Amino acid sequence: MPTVADIRAEGVRLTICCPNCARLRYLNIDRLDQSATLEEVAAGLKCTRCLEPDIEVRIMRCDPETGFWPAESAR
């Protein structure tokens, strides 16, 4: 499993995705422990909207054609 430092070196971003309320928000990767894995990052977080503790941390890449990042969202 890649660490936060590995992900940062790839130039991608991390998001928090809540399966309960469908909230998708970008994480500030600079504030995270660079040696932590995605599971370790997810274990210390919860959704700030519905307080769901079982969130997913996902890797996001920008669209190669447009250069845009996927938008944050919520239901």
Protein backbone atom coordinates (compact mmCIF):
# COMPACT_ATOMS: atom_id res chain seq x y z
CA MET A 1 0.00 0.00 0.00
CA PRO A 2 1.42 3.40 -0.96
CA THR A 3 2.18 6.03 1.66
CA VAL A 4 1.06 9.65 1.59
CA ALA A 5 4.60 10.60 0.49
CA ASP A 6 4.38 8.16 -2.45
CA ILE A 7 1.04 9.64 -3.49
CA ARG A 8 2.34 13.19 -3.17
CA ALA A 9 5.34 12.32 -5.36
CA GLU A 10 2.95 11.15 -8.12
CA GLY A 11 1.29 14.57 -8.21
CA VAL A 12 -2.18 13.23 -7.44
CA ARG A 13 -4.57 14.30 -4.69
CA LEU A 14 -6.43 12.53 -1.89
CA THR A 15 -10.15 12.81 -1.27
CA ILE A 16 -12.49 11.74 1.49
CA CYS A 17 -15.62 10.00 0.21
CA CYS A 18 -18.52 9.27 2.55
CA PRO A 19 -20.68 6.27 1.59
CA ASN A 20 -23.50 7.54 3.81
CA CYS A 21 -24.07 11.08 2.48
CA ALA A 22 -21.96 10.90 -0.73
CA ARG A 23 -19.78 13.83 0.29
CA LEU A 24 -16.54 14.12 -1.68
CA ARG A 25 -13.91 16.56 -0.41
CA TYR A 26 -10.21 17.02 -1.12
CA LEU A 27 -7.75 16.54 1.73
CA ASN A 28 -4.81 18.85 2.39
CA ILE A 29 -2.03 16.33 1.84
CA ASP A 30 0.53 18.60 3.55
CA ARG A 31 -1.25 18.18 6.89
CA LEU A 32 -1.07 14.38 6.82
CA ASP A 33 1.64 12.11 8.21
CA GLN A 34 3.76 11.47 5.11
CA SER A 35 4.59 7.90 6.22
CA ALA A 36 0.92 6.92 6.72
CA THR A 37 -0.91 4.53 4.38
CA LEU A 38 -4.39 5.27 3.04
CA GLU A 39 -5.94 2.92 5.62
CA GLU A 40 -4.15 4.76 8.42
CA VAL A 41 -5.32 8.13 7.10
CA ALA A 42 -8.92 6.88 6.81
CA ALA A 43 -8.86 5.40 10.33
CA GLY A 44 -8.28 8.85 11.82
CA LEU A 45 -11.01 10.68 9.89
CA LYS A 46 -14.79 10.89 9.76
CA CYS A 47 -17.26 12.75 7.57
CA THR A 48 -17.69 16.30 8.83
CA ARG A 49 -21.20 16.48 7.40
CA CYS A 50 -22.91 13.37 8.80
CA LEU A 51 -20.15 12.17 11.20
CA GLU A 52 -19.91 8.76 9.50
CA PRO A 53 -16.72 7.08 10.78
CA ASP A 54 -16.44 4.57 7.90
CA ILE A 55 -15.23 6.87 5.14
CA GLU A 56 -13.03 6.03 2.17
CA VAL A 57 -9.86 7.86 1.23
CA ARG A 58 -9.40 7.82 -2.54
CA ILE A 59 -6.69 8.87 -4.94
CA MET A 60 -7.86 11.44 -7.52
CA ARG A 61 -6.17 12.32 -10.77
CA CYS A 62 -6.90 15.30 -12.98
CA ASP A 63 -8.50 14.77 -16.36
CA PRO A 64 -5.61 14.29 -18.81
CA GLU A 65 -7.43 16.07 -21.64
CA THR A 66 -8.68 19.16 -19.80
CA GLY A 67 -6.31 19.32 -16.82
CA PHE A 68 -9.28 19.82 -14.48
CA TRP A 69 -9.73 18.00 -11.17
CA PRO A 70 -13.10 16.34 -10.42
CA ALA A 71 -15.37 18.70 -8.47
CA GLU A 72 -16.16 18.28 -4.80
CA SER A 73 -19.74 17.14 -4.26
CA ALA A 74 -22.45 16.25 -1.80
CA ARG A 75 -26.06 15.07 -2.00
